[in-house]
PDB file of N, CA and C in Angstrom:
ATOM      1  N   MET A   1       0.737  -1.066   0.237  1.00  0.00           N
ATOM      2  CA  MET A   1      -0.223   0.013   0.014  1.00  0.00           C
ATOM      3  C   MET A   1       0.849   1.065   0.068  1.00  0.00           C
ATOM      4  N   SER A   2       0.578   2.379  -0.705  1.00  0.00           N
ATOM      5  CA  SER A   2       1.185   3.228  -0.982  1.00  0.00           C
ATOM      6  C   SER A   2       1.224   4.474   0.532  1.00  0.00           C
ATOM      7  N   SER A   3       2.365   5.013   0.656  1.00  0.00           N
ATOM      8  CA  SER A   3       2.500   5.882   1.947  1.00  0.00           C
ATOM      9  C   SER A   3       1.844   7.035   1.687  1.00  0.00           C
ATOM     10  N   MET A   4       1.224   7.138   0.142  1.00  0.00           N
ATOM     11  CA  MET A   4       0.546   8.449  -0.066  1.00  0.00           C
ATOM     12  C   MET A   4      -1.020   8.349   0.469  1.00  0.00           C
ATOM     13  N   VAL A   5      -1.316   6.854   0.813  1.00  0.00           N
ATOM     14  CA  VAL A   5      -2.592   6.897   1.462  1.00  0.00           C
ATOM     15  C   VAL A   5      -2.414   6.838   2.905  1.00  0.00           C
ATOM     16  N   SER A   6      -3.385   7.762   3.513  1.00  0.00           N
ATOM     17  CA  SER A   6      -3.391   8.177   4.895  1.00  0.00           C
ATOM     18  C   SER A   6      -3.811   6.700   5.821  1.00  0.00           C
ATOM     19  N   LEU A   7      -3.293   6.488   7.276  1.00  0.00           N
ATOM     20  CA  LEU A   7      -3.644   5.427   7.875  1.00  0.00           C
ATOM     21  C   LEU A   7      -5.085   5.402   8.007  1.00  0.00           C
ATOM     22  N   ALA A   8      -5.771   6.535   8.274  1.00  0.00           N
ATOM     23  CA  ALA A   8      -7.206   6.588   8.562  1.00  0.00           C
ATOM     24  C   ALA A   8      -7.882   5.660   7.201  1.00  0.00           C
ATOM     25  N   ARG A   9      -7.224   6.398   6.259  1.00  0.00           N
ATOM     26  CA  ARG A   9      -7.894   5.468   4.900  1.00  0.00           C
ATOM     27  C   ARG A   9      -7.694   4.179   4.617  1.00  0.00           C
ATOM     28  N   GLN A  10      -6.219   3.961   5.039  1.00  0.00           N
ATOM     29  CA  GLN A  10      -6.137   2.225   5.101  1.00  0.00           C
ATOM     30  C   GLN A  10      -7.277   1.731   5.956  1.00  0.00           C
ATOM     31  N   VAL A  11      -7.273   2.093   7.230  1.00  0.00           N
ATOM     32  CA  VAL A  11      -8.226   1.267   8.365  1.00  0.00           C
ATOM     33  C   VAL A  11      -9.883   1.319   7.902  1.00  0.00           C
ATOM     34  N   ASP A  12      -9.976   2.369   6.802  1.00  0.00           N
ATOM     35  CA  ASP A  12     -10.954   2.301   6.356  1.00  0.00           C
ATOM     36  C   ASP A  12     -11.256   1.111   5.421  1.00  0.00           C
ATOM     37  N   LEU A  13     -10.432   1.035   4.805  1.00  0.00           N
ATOM     38  CA  LEU A  13     -10.420  -0.242   3.602  1.00  0.00           C
ATOM     39  C   LEU A  13     -10.405  -1.556   4.493  1.00  0.00           C
ATOM     40  N   VAL A  14      -9.723  -1.845   5.431  1.00  0.00           N
ATOM     41  CA  VAL A  14      -9.682  -2.665   6.002  1.00  0.00           C
ATOM     42  C   VAL A  14     -10.998  -3.175   6.475  1.00  0.00           C
ATOM     43  N   PHE A  15     -11.678  -2.339   6.785  1.00  0.00           N
ATOM     44  CA  PHE A  15     -13.020  -2.298   7.549  1.00  0.00           C
ATOM     45  C   PHE A  15     -13.982  -2.975   6.252  1.00  0.00           C
ATOM     46  N   LYS A  16     -14.154  -2.299   5.520  1.00  0.00           N
ATOM     47  CA  LYS A  16     -14.635  -2.788   3.835  1.00  0.00           C
ATOM     48  C   LYS A  16     -14.189  -4.078   3.744  1.00  0.00           C
ATOM     49  N   GLN A  17     -12.981  -4.624   3.605  1.00  0.00           N
ATOM     50  CA  GLN A  17     -12.570  -5.593   3.601  1.00  0.00           C
ATOM     51  C   GLN A  17     -13.396  -6.698   4.036  1.00  0.00           C
ATOM     52  N   ILE A  18     -13.357  -6.703   5.678  1.00  0.00           N
ATOM     53  CA  ILE A  18     -13.649  -7.423   6.370  1.00  0.00           C
ATOM     54  C   ILE A  18     -15.091  -7.488   7.036  1.00  0.00           C
ATOM     55  N   SER A  19     -16.088  -6.525   6.409  1.00  0.00           N
ATOM     56  CA  SER A  19     -17.631  -6.552   7.010  1.00  0.00           C
ATOM     57  C   SER A  19     -17.922  -7.447   6.553  1.00  0.00           C
ATOM     58  N   LYS A  20     -17.708  -8.073   5.793  1.00  0.00           N
ATOM     59  CA  LYS A  20     -18.827  -9.506   5.161  1.00  0.00           C
ATOM     60  C   LYS A  20     -18.636 -10.607   6.171  1.00  0.00           C
ATOM     61  N   GLU A  21     -17.441 -10.359   6.654  1.00  0.00           N
ATOM     62  CA  GLU A  21     -17.351 -11.131   7.833  1.00  0.00           C
ATOM     63  C   GLU A  21     -17.534 -10.868   9.064  1.00  0.00           C
ATOM     64  N   LEU A  22     -17.754  -9.563   9.517  1.00  0.00           N
ATOM     65  CA  LEU A  22     -18.451  -9.264  10.606  1.00  0.00           C
ATOM     66  C   LEU A  22     -19.837  -9.495  10.747  1.00  0.00           C
ATOM     67  N   VAL A  23     -20.500  -9.242   9.859  1.00  0.00           N
ATOM     68  CA  VAL A  23     -22.221  -9.638  10.155  1.00  0.00           C
ATOM     69  C   VAL A  23     -22.226 -10.981  10.436  1.00  0.00           C
ATOM     70  N   HIS A  24     -21.496 -11.994  10.557  1.00  0.00           N
ATOM     71  CA  HIS A  24     -21.708 -12.934  10.870  1.00  0.00           C
ATOM     72  C   HIS A  24     -20.875 -13.621  12.440  1.00  0.00           C
ATOM     73  N   LEU A  25     -20.388 -12.753  13.052  1.00  0.00           N
ATOM     74  CA  LEU A  25     -19.642 -12.663  14.307  1.00  0.00           C
ATOM     75  C   LEU A  25     -20.343 -11.961  15.315  1.00  0.00           C
ATOM     76  N   SER A  26     -20.403 -12.689  16.338  1.00  0.00           N
ATOM     77  CA  SER A  26     -20.816 -11.657  17.731  1.00  0.00           C
ATOM     78  C   SER A  26     -19.398 -11.035  18.683  1.00  0.00           C
ATOM     79  N   SER A  27     -18.595 -11.679  18.329  1.00  0.00           N
ATOM     80  CA  SER A  27     -17.536 -11.185  18.830  1.00  0.00           C
ATOM     81  C   SER A  27     -16.167 -11.572  18.195  1.00  0.00           C
ATOM     82  N   GLY A  28     -15.022 -10.973  18.745  1.00  0.00           N
ATOM     83  CA  GLY A  28     -13.647 -11.272  18.017  1.00  0.00           C
ATOM     84  C   GLY A  28     -12.775 -10.165  18.399  1.00  0.00           C
ATOM     85  N   LEU A  29     -11.981 -10.283  17.417  1.00  0.00           N
ATOM     86  CA  LEU A  29     -10.603  -9.377  17.581  1.00  0.00           C
ATOM     87  C   LEU A  29      -9.888  -8.887  16.187  1.00  0.00           C
ATOM     88  N   ILE A  30     -10.187  -7.563  15.654  1.00  0.00           N
ATOM     89  CA  ILE A  30      -9.440  -7.401  14.455  1.00  0.00           C
ATOM     90  C   ILE A  30      -7.915  -6.965  14.818  1.00  0.00           C
ATOM     91  N   PHE A  31      -7.122  -7.501  14.150  1.00  0.00           N
ATOM     92  CA  PHE A  31      -5.781  -7.184  14.241  1.00  0.00           C
ATOM     93  C   PHE A  31      -5.258  -6.621  12.863  1.00  0.00           C
ATOM     94  N   ILE A  32      -4.165  -5.595  13.078  1.00  0.00           N
ATOM     95  CA  ILE A  32      -3.680  -4.641  11.794  1.00  0.00           C
ATOM     96  C   ILE A  32      -2.232  -4.455  12.293  1.00  0.00           C
ATOM     97  N   HIS A  33      -1.302  -5.182  11.517  1.00  0.00           N
ATOM     98  CA  HIS A  33       0.278  -5.102  11.549  1.00  0.00           C
ATOM     99  C   HIS A  33       0.437  -3.688  10.795  1.00  0.00           C
ATOM    100  N   ILE A  34       1.212  -2.937  11.264  1.00  0.00           N
ATOM    101  CA  ILE A  34       1.686  -1.830  10.956  1.00  0.00           C
ATOM    102  C   ILE A  34       3.239  -1.677  10.646  1.00  0.00           C
ATOM    103  N   ARG A  35       3.605  -1.315   9.516  1.00  0.00           N
ATOM    104  CA  ARG A  35       5.245  -0.817   9.202  1.00  0.00           C
ATOM    105  C   ARG A  35       5.527   0.467   8.677  1.00  0.00           C
ATOM    106  N   ASN A  36       6.072   1.400   9.100  1.00  0.00           N
ATOM    107  CA  ASN A  36       6.408   2.667   8.477  1.00  0.00           C
ATOM    108  C   ASN A  36       4.935   3.114   8.056  1.00  0.00           C
ATOM    109  N   ASN A  37       3.855   3.066   9.352  1.00  0.00           N
ATOM    110  CA  ASN A  37       2.462   3.714   8.927  1.00  0.00           C
ATOM    111  C   ASN A  37       1.960   3.087   7.624  1.00  0.00           C
ATOM    112  N   GLU A  38       2.129   1.729   7.437  1.00  0.00           N
ATOM    113  CA  GLU A  38       1.626   1.160   6.246  1.00  0.00           C
ATOM    114  C   GLU A  38       1.006  -0.202   7.004  1.00  0.00           C
ATOM    115  N   ILE A  39      -0.601  -0.394   6.395  1.00  0.00           N
ATOM    116  CA  ILE A  39      -0.869  -1.799   7.002  1.00  0.00           C
ATOM    117  C   ILE A  39      -0.502  -2.838   5.991  1.00  0.00           C
ATOM    118  N   GLY A  40       0.297  -3.923   6.871  1.00  0.00           N
ATOM    119  CA  GLY A  40       0.474  -4.837   5.962  1.00  0.00           C
ATOM    120  C   GLY A  40      -0.564  -5.816   5.932  1.00  0.00           C
ATOM    121  N   LYS A  41      -0.328  -7.051   7.059  1.00  0.00           N
ATOM    122  CA  LYS A  41      -1.175  -7.827   7.436  1.00  0.00           C
ATOM    123  C   LYS A  41      -2.245  -7.551   8.181  1.00  0.00           C
ATOM    124  N   PHE A  42      -3.498  -7.912   7.965  1.00  0.00           N
ATOM    125  CA  PHE A  42      -4.804  -7.689   8.719  1.00  0.00           C
ATOM    126  C   PHE A  42      -5.254  -8.749   8.979  1.00  0.00           C
ATOM    127  N   GLY A  43      -6.587  -8.887   9.830  1.00  0.00           N
ATOM    128  CA  GLY A  43      -7.576  -9.949   9.795  1.00  0.00           C
ATOM    129  C   GLY A  43      -8.332  -9.795  10.950  1.00  0.00           C
ATOM    130  N   VAL A  44      -9.080 -11.055  10.844  1.00  0.00           N
ATOM    131  CA  VAL A  44      -9.979 -10.952  11.985  1.00  0.00           C
ATOM    132  C   VAL A  44      -9.604 -12.535  13.227  1.00  0.00           C
ATOM    133  N   ARG A  45      -9.725 -12.601  14.492  1.00  0.00           N
ATOM    134  CA  ARG A  45      -9.512 -13.714  15.046  1.00  0.00           C
ATOM    135  C   ARG A  45     -10.514 -13.948  15.728  1.00  0.00           C
ATOM    136  N   HIS A  46     -11.361 -15.127  15.821  1.00  0.00           N
ATOM    137  CA  HIS A  46     -12.391 -15.169  16.426  1.00  0.00           C
ATOM    138  C   HIS A  46     -13.011 -16.821  16.705  1.00  0.00           C
ATOM    139  N   ASP A  47     -13.831 -17.000  17.587  1.00  0.00           N
ATOM    140  CA  ASP A  47     -14.212 -18.313  17.706  1.00  0.00           C
ATOM    141  C   ASP A  47     -15.869 -18.146  17.663  1.00  0.00           C
ATOM    142  N   PRO A  48     -16.657 -17.941  16.774  1.00  0.00           N
ATOM    143  CA  PRO A  48     -17.764 -17.785  16.223  1.00  0.00           C
ATOM    144  C   PRO A  48     -19.050 -18.639  17.136  1.00  0.00           C
ATOM    145  N   ILE A  49     -18.271 -19.729  17.714  1.00  0.00           N
ATOM    146  CA  ILE A  49     -19.384 -20.633  18.439  1.00  0.00           C
ATOM    147  C   ILE A  49     -19.275 -20.572  20.029  1.00  0.00           C
ATOM    148  N   GLU A  50     -20.161 -20.313  20.723  1.00  0.00           N
ATOM    149  CA  GLU A  50     -20.106 -20.014  21.865  1.00  0.00           C
ATOM    150  C   GLU A  50     -20.746 -21.105  22.599  1.00  0.00           C
ATOM    151  N   THR A  51     -20.382 -21.439  23.861  1.00  0.00           N
ATOM    152  CA  THR A  51     -20.933 -22.708  24.411  1.00  0.00           C
ATOM    153  C   THR A  51     -21.647 -22.169  25.759  1.00  0.00           C
ATOM    154  N   ILE A  52     -23.084 -22.533  26.086  1.00  0.00           N
ATOM    155  CA  ILE A  52     -23.719 -22.076  27.418  1.00  0.00           C
ATOM    156  C   ILE A  52     -23.995 -23.541  27.790  1.00  0.00           C
ATOM    157  N   ASN A  53     -23.603 -23.630  29.389  1.00  0.00           N
ATOM    158  CA  ASN A  53     -23.180 -24.869  30.056  1.00  0.00           C
ATOM    159  C   ASN A  53     -23.155 -26.206  29.296  1.00  0.00           C
ATOM    160  N   GLY A  54     -22.111 -25.912  28.677  1.00  0.00           N
ATOM    161  CA  GLY A  54     -21.761 -26.905  27.721  1.00  0.00           C
ATOM    162  C   GLY A  54     -22.123 -27.120  26.287  1.00  0.00           C
ATOM    163  N   ASP A  55     -23.173 -26.817  25.996  1.00  0.00           N
ATOM    164  CA  ASP A  55     -24.048 -26.867  25.039  1.00  0.00           C
ATOM    165  C   ASP A  55     -23.593 -25.703  23.648  1.00  0.00           C
ATOM    166  N   LEU A  56     -23.311 -26.180  22.458  1.00  0.00           N
ATOM    167  CA  LEU A  56     -22.922 -25.254  21.304  1.00  0.00           C
ATOM    168  C   LEU A  56     -24.078 -24.664  21.109  1.00  0.00           C
ATOM    169  N   ASN A  57     -23.892 -23.090  21.099  1.00  0.00           N
ATOM    170  CA  ASN A  57     -24.721 -22.038  20.801  1.00  0.00           C
ATOM    171  C   ASN A  57     -24.054 -20.938  19.544  1.00  0.00           C
ATOM    172  N   ASP A  58     -24.398 -21.435  18.421  1.00  0.00           N
ATOM    173  CA  ASP A  58     -24.322 -20.654  17.224  1.00  0.00           C
ATOM    174  C   ASP A  58     -25.377 -19.997  16.874  1.00  0.00           C
ATOM    175  N   SER A  59     -25.305 -18.858  17.490  1.00  0.00           N
ATOM    176  CA  SER A  59     -26.572 -18.024  17.152  1.00  0.00           C
ATOM    177  C   SER A  59     -26.705 -17.506  15.465  1.00  0.00           C
ATOM    178  N   GLY A  60     -25.500 -17.099  14.997  1.00  0.00           N
ATOM    179  CA  GLY A  60     -25.399 -16.657  13.534  1.00  0.00           C
ATOM    180  C   GLY A  60     -25.383 -15.370  13.522  1.00  0.00           C
ATOM    181  N   LYS A  61     -25.945 -14.811  14.331  1.00  0.00           N
ATOM    182  CA  LYS A  61     -26.190 -13.288  14.676  1.00  0.00           C
ATOM    183  C   LYS A  61     -24.995 -12.580  14.583  1.00  0.00           C
ATOM    184  N   GLY A  62     -24.491 -11.642  13.690  1.00  0.00           N
ATOM    185  CA  GLY A  62     -23.202 -10.634  14.070  1.00  0.00           C
ATOM    186  C   GLY A  62     -23.545  -9.481  13.769  1.00  0.00           C
ATOM    187  N   LEU A  63     -22.827  -8.576  13.712  1.00  0.00           N
ATOM    188  CA  LEU A  63     -23.013  -7.176  13.672  1.00  0.00           C
ATOM    189  C   LEU A  63     -23.575  -6.549  12.492  1.00  0.00           C
ATOM    190  N   SER A  64     -24.426  -5.814  12.860  1.00  0.00           N
ATOM    191  CA  SER A  64     -25.385  -5.121  11.913  1.00  0.00           C
ATOM    192  C   SER A  64     -24.567  -4.143  10.936  1.00  0.00           C
ATOM    193  N   ALA A  65     -25.123  -3.698  10.012  1.00  0.00           N
ATOM    194  CA  ALA A  65     -24.262  -2.633   9.115  1.00  0.00           C
ATOM    195  C   ALA A  65     -24.114  -0.964   9.684  1.00  0.00           C
ATOM    196  N   GLU A  66     -24.862  -0.815  10.759  1.00  0.00           N
ATOM    197  CA  GLU A  66     -24.930   0.318  11.754  1.00  0.00           C
ATOM    198  C   GLU A  66     -23.829   0.030  12.809  1.00  0.00           C
ATOM    199  N   GLN A  67     -23.924  -1.126  13.115  1.00  0.00           N
ATOM    200  CA  GLN A  67     -22.459  -1.214  14.415  1.00  0.00           C
ATOM    201  C   GLN A  67     -21.342  -1.375  13.856  1.00  0.00           C
ATOM    202  N   ILE A  68     -21.266  -1.929  12.479  1.00  0.00           N
ATOM    203  CA  ILE A  68     -19.855  -2.073  11.548  1.00  0.00           C
ATOM    204  C   ILE A  68     -19.487  -0.699  11.313  1.00  0.00           C
ATOM    205  N   ARG A  69     -20.549   0.387  10.951  1.00  0.00           N
ATOM    206  CA  ARG A  69     -20.178   1.665  10.683  1.00  0.00           C
ATOM    207  C   ARG A  69     -19.665   2.424  11.889  1.00  0.00           C
ATOM    208  N   ALA A  70     -20.128   1.885  13.202  1.00  0.00           N
ATOM    209  CA  ALA A  70     -19.795   2.685  14.503  1.00  0.00           C
ATOM    210  C   ALA A  70     -18.546   2.137  14.874  1.00  0.00           C
ATOM    211  N   PHE A  71     -18.385   0.878  14.568  1.00  0.00           N
ATOM    212  CA  PHE A  71     -16.882   0.184  14.902  1.00  0.00           C
ATOM    213  C   PHE A  71     -15.768   1.099  13.720  1.00  0.00           C
ATOM    214  N   ARG A  72     -15.912   1.030  12.878  1.00  0.00           N
ATOM    215  CA  ARG A  72     -15.255   1.619  11.744  1.00  0.00           C
ATOM    216  C   ARG A  72     -14.870   2.950  12.345  1.00  0.00           C
ATOM    217  N   ASN A  73     -15.748   3.903  12.890  1.00  0.00           N
ATOM    218  CA  ASN A  73     -15.497   5.027  12.936  1.00  0.00           C
ATOM    219  C   ASN A  73     -14.689   5.192  14.163  1.00  0.00           C
ATOM    220  N   MET A  74     -15.068   4.443  15.351  1.00  0.00           N
ATOM    221  CA  MET A  74     -14.362   4.299  16.492  1.00  0.00           C
ATOM    222  C   MET A  74     -12.889   3.766  15.962  1.00  0.00           C
ATOM    223  N   ALA A  75     -12.546   2.956  15.259  1.00  0.00           N
ATOM    224  CA  ALA A  75     -11.310   2.475  14.938  1.00  0.00           C
ATOM    225  C   ALA A  75     -10.359   3.910  14.449  1.00  0.00           C
ATOM    226  N   ILE A  76     -11.263   4.245  13.313  1.00  0.00           N
ATOM    227  CA  ILE A  76     -10.654   5.427  12.843  1.00  0.00           C
ATOM    228  C   ILE A  76     -10.199   6.633  13.693  1.00  0.00           C
ATOM    229  N   GLU A  77     -11.096   6.827  14.517  1.00  0.00           N
ATOM    230  CA  GLU A  77     -10.848   8.172  15.681  1.00  0.00           C
ATOM    231  C   GLU A  77      -9.827   7.565  16.523  1.00  0.00           C
ATOM    232  N   SER A  78      -9.666   6.445  16.822  1.00  0.00           N
ATOM    233  CA  SER A  78      -8.791   5.988  17.893  1.00  0.00           C
ATOM    234  C   SER A  78      -6.944   6.012  17.374  1.00  0.00           C
ATOM    235  N   LEU A  79      -6.633   6.096  16.086  1.00  0.00           N
ATOM    236  CA  LEU A  79      -5.653   6.641  15.499  1.00  0.00           C
ATOM    237  C   LEU A  79      -5.027   7.966  16.133  1.00  0.00           C
ATOM    238  N   LYS A  80      -5.926   8.723  16.367  1.00  0.00           N
ATOM    239  CA  LYS A  80      -5.328  10.024  16.929  1.00  0.00           C
ATOM    240  C   LYS A  80      -4.356   9.631  18.248  1.00  0.00           C
ATOM    241  N   HIS A  81      -4.364   8.230  18.854  1.00  0.00           N
ATOM    242  CA  HIS A  81      -3.877   8.244  19.824  1.00  0.00           C
ATOM    243  C   HIS A  81      -2.564   7.255  20.038  1.00  0.00           C
ATOM    244  N   LYS A  82      -2.398   6.829  18.477  1.00  0.00           N
ATOM    245  CA  LYS A  82      -1.314   6.282  17.960  1.00  0.00           C
ATOM    246  C   LYS A  82      -0.148   7.347  17.723  1.00  0.00           C
ATOM    247  N   HIS A  83       1.191   6.852  18.182  1.00  0.00           N
ATOM    248  CA  HIS A  83       2.302   7.693  18.514  1.00  0.00           C
ATOM    249  C   HIS A  83       3.400   7.072  17.971  1.00  0.00           C
ATOM    250  N   TRP A  84       3.367   6.092  16.973  1.00  0.00           N
ATOM    251  CA  TRP A  84       4.773   5.206  16.460  1.00  0.00           C
ATOM    252  C   TRP A  84       3.965   4.741  15.188  1.00  0.00           C
ATOM    253  N   THR A  85       5.360   4.227  14.515  1.00  0.00           N
ATOM    254  CA  THR A  85       5.177   4.060  13.011  1.00  0.00           C
ATOM    255  C   THR A  85       5.070   2.339  12.775  1.00  0.00           C
ATOM    256  N   HIS A  86       5.754   2.018  13.709  1.00  0.00           N
ATOM    257  CA  HIS A  86       5.609   0.301  13.650  1.00  0.00           C
ATOM    258  C   HIS A  86       4.927  -0.608  14.944  1.00  0.00           C
ATOM    259  N   GLY A  87       4.125  -1.266  14.645  1.00  0.00           N
ATOM    260  CA  GLY A  87       3.579  -2.175  15.442  1.00  0.00           C
ATOM    261  C   GLY A  87       2.099  -2.893  15.170  1.00  0.00           C
ATOM    262  N   GLU A  88       1.361  -3.188  16.250  1.00  0.00           N
ATOM    263  CA  GLU A  88      -0.169  -3.705  16.127  1.00  0.00           C
ATOM    264  C   GLU A  88      -1.128  -2.970  16.681  1.00  0.00           C
ATOM    265  N   ILE A  89      -2.163  -3.087  16.023  1.00  0.00           N
ATOM    266  CA  ILE A  89      -3.269  -2.468  16.609  1.00  0.00           C
ATOM    267  C   ILE A  89      -4.393  -3.464  16.689  1.00  0.00           C
ATOM    268  N   GLN A  90      -4.974  -3.531  17.984  1.00  0.00           N
ATOM    269  CA  GLN A  90      -5.988  -4.818  18.119  1.00  0.00           C
ATOM    270  C   GLN A  90      -7.223  -4.136  18.643  1.00  0.00           C
ATOM    271  N   TYR A  91      -8.500  -4.234  17.823  1.00  0.00           N
ATOM    272  CA  TYR A  91      -9.756  -3.866  17.887  1.00  0.00           C
ATOM    273  C   TYR A  91     -10.465  -4.840  18.778  1.00  0.00           C
ATOM    274  N   GLU A  92     -11.020  -5.170  19.764  1.00  0.00           N
ATOM    275  CA  GLU A  92     -11.983  -6.402  20.569  1.00  0.00           C
ATOM    276  C   GLU A  92     -13.154  -5.619  20.289  1.00  0.00           C
ATOM    277  N   PHE A  93     -14.243  -6.521  20.079  1.00  0.00           N
ATOM    278  CA  PHE A  93     -15.724  -6.563  19.902  1.00  0.00           C
ATOM    279  C   PHE A  93     -16.295  -7.593  20.353  1.00  0.00           C
ATOM    280  N   ALA A  94     -17.639  -6.885  20.992  1.00  0.00           N
ATOM    281  CA  ALA A  94     -18.319  -8.194  21.036  1.00  0.00           C
ATOM    282  C   ALA A  94     -19.845  -7.498  21.416  1.00  0.00           C
ATOM    283  N   LEU A  95     -20.802  -8.262  21.177  1.00  0.00           N
ATOM    284  CA  LEU A  95     -22.130  -7.915  21.078  1.00  0.00           C
ATOM    285  C   LEU A  95     -22.900  -8.656  22.512  1.00  0.00           C
ATOM    286  N   ARG A  96     -23.223  -7.502  23.272  1.00  0.00           N
ATOM    287  CA  ARG A  96     -23.912  -8.091  24.590  1.00  0.00           C
ATOM    288  C   ARG A  96     -25.273  -7.568  24.633  1.00  0.00           C
ATOM    289  N   LYS A  97     -26.080  -8.425  24.594  1.00  0.00           N
ATOM    290  CA  LYS A  97     -27.609  -8.011  24.779  1.00  0.00           C
ATOM    291  C   LYS A  97     -27.899  -6.835  23.634  1.00  0.00           C
ATOM    292  N   ASN A  98     -27.203  -7.139  22.242  1.00  0.00           N
ATOM    293  CA  ASN A  98     -27.567  -6.512  21.082  1.00  0.00           C
ATOM    294  C   ASN A  98     -26.747  -5.367  21.075  1.00  0.00           C
ATOM    295  N   LEU A  99     -25.930  -4.844  21.992  1.00  0.00           N
ATOM    296  CA  LEU A  99     -25.109  -3.859  22.049  1.00  0.00           C
ATOM    297  C   LEU A  99     -23.968  -3.968  22.038  1.00  0.00           C
ATOM    298  N   LEU A 100     -22.990  -3.287  20.803  1.00  0.00           N
ATOM    299  CA  LEU A 100     -21.538  -3.326  20.626  1.00  0.00           C
ATOM    300  C   LEU A 100     -20.847  -2.934  21.668  1.00  0.00           C
ATOM    301  N   THR A 101     -19.768  -3.521  22.210  1.00  0.00           N
ATOM    302  CA  THR A 101     -18.759  -2.900  22.916  1.00  0.00           C
ATOM    303  C   THR A 101     -17.509  -3.356  22.208  1.00  0.00           C
ATOM    304  N   THR A 102     -16.599  -2.330  22.638  1.00  0.00           N
ATOM    305  CA  THR A 102     -15.392  -2.059  21.759  1.00  0.00           C
ATOM    306  C   THR A 102     -14.355  -1.985  22.701  1.00  0.00           C
ATOM    307  N   SER A 103     -13.001  -2.191  22.268  1.00  0.00           N
ATOM    308  CA  SER A 103     -12.017  -1.457  22.942  1.00  0.00           C
ATOM    309  C   SER A 103     -10.766  -1.867  21.793  1.00  0.00           C
ATOM    310  N   VAL A 104      -9.490  -0.760  22.210  1.00  0.00           N
ATOM    311  CA  VAL A 104      -8.494  -0.976  21.366  1.00  0.00           C
ATOM    312  C   VAL A 104      -7.455  -1.109  22.030  1.00  0.00           C
ATOM    313  N   VAL A 105      -6.283  -1.923  21.350  1.00  0.00           N
ATOM    314  CA  VAL A 105      -4.833  -1.932  22.251  1.00  0.00           C
ATOM    315  C   VAL A 105      -4.101  -1.415  21.163  1.00  0.00           C
ATOM    316  N   PHE A 106      -2.982  -0.912  21.573  1.00  0.00           N
ATOM    317  CA  PHE A 106      -1.910  -0.277  20.514  1.00  0.00           C
ATOM    318  C   PHE A 106      -0.621  -1.182  21.223  1.00  0.00           C
ATOM    319  N   GLU A 107       0.050  -1.423  20.160  1.00  0.00           N
ATOM    320  CA  GLU A 107       1.268  -2.143  20.578  1.00  0.00           C
ATOM    321  C   GLU A 107       2.420  -1.805  19.577  1.00  0.00           C
ATOM    322  N   SER A 108       3.426  -0.796  20.277  1.00  0.00           N
ATOM    323  CA  SER A 108       4.668  -0.453  18.974  1.00  0.00           C
ATOM    324  C   SER A 108       5.706  -1.607  19.082  1.00  0.00           C
ATOM    325  N   ASN A 109       6.162  -1.470  18.170  1.00  0.00           N
ATOM    326  CA  ASN A 109       7.482  -2.490  17.992  1.00  0.00           C
ATOM    327  C   ASN A 109       8.800  -1.673  17.387  1.00  0.00           C
ATOM    328  N   TYR A 110      10.071  -1.979  17.932  1.00  0.00           N
ATOM    329  CA  TYR A 110      11.236  -1.225  17.800  1.00  0.00           C
ATOM    330  C   TYR A 110      12.218  -2.475  17.309  1.00  0.00           C
ATOM    331  N   ASN A 111      13.162  -2.033  16.568  1.00  0.00           N
ATOM    332  CA  ASN A 111      14.058  -3.028  16.138  1.00  0.00           C
ATOM    333  C   ASN A 111      15.632  -2.605  16.807  1.00  0.00           C
ATOM    334  N   MET A 112      16.039  -3.562  17.474  1.00  0.00           N
ATOM    335  CA  MET A 112      17.340  -3.419  18.266  1.00  0.00           C
ATOM    336  C   MET A 112      18.662  -3.130  17.148  1.00  0.00           C
ATOM    337  N   ALA A 113      18.553  -3.603  16.234  1.00  0.00           N
ATOM    338  CA  ALA A 113      19.676  -3.234  15.031  1.00  0.00           C
ATOM    339  C   ALA A 113      19.314  -2.094  14.614  1.00  0.00           C
ATOM    340  N   ASN A 114      18.349  -1.636  14.309  1.00  0.00           N
ATOM    341  CA  ASN A 114      18.163   0.037  13.956  1.00  0.00           C
ATOM    342  C   ASN A 114      18.837   0.607  15.027  1.00  0.00           C
ATOM    343  N   LEU A 115      18.983   0.417  16.229  1.00  0.00           N
ATOM    344  CA  LEU A 115      19.537   1.320  17.534  1.00  0.00           C
ATOM    345  C   LEU A 115      20.889   1.433  17.408  1.00  0.00           C
ATOM    346  N   LEU A 116      21.179   0.056  17.054  1.00  0.00           N
ATOM    347  CA  LEU A 116      22.823  -0.055  17.059  1.00  0.00           C
ATOM    348  C   LEU A 116      23.463   0.117  15.900  1.00  0.00           C
ATOM    349  N   SER A 117      22.808   0.475  14.672  1.00  0.00           N
ATOM    350  CA  SER A 117      23.476   1.130  13.251  1.00  0.00           C
ATOM    351  C   SER A 117      23.245   2.498  13.450  1.00  0.00           C
ATOM    352  N   GLN A 118      23.290   3.352  14.459  1.00  0.00           N
ATOM    353  CA  GLN A 118      22.914   4.629  13.999  1.00  0.00           C
ATOM    354  C   GLN A 118      24.434   5.422  14.560  1.00  0.00           C
TER     355      GLN A 118
END
């Protein structure tokens, strides 16, 4: 992806790519790997099958289009708190009583070889 594309626009593209998956998920974690403020690998970690008292409960009910839009907006807005160029962002989400809850974790990565070569 070209560095001419803002990170916010790249996150928007990630959400467009995974939205077809999110409509089937009630919880999970979106991960985005970033190097030089460019997204490389991204995806969704999830286990869409829940158990209640040991019984499998696959409701098949995932995020609505409105919930995905709100989630995407939160993800883009959260970038204002990122102050590094290399790392990973994790957006965790869950539907609880049909309400979407989200959280974000930023992880910065550094390379010792870069420090020693200066």
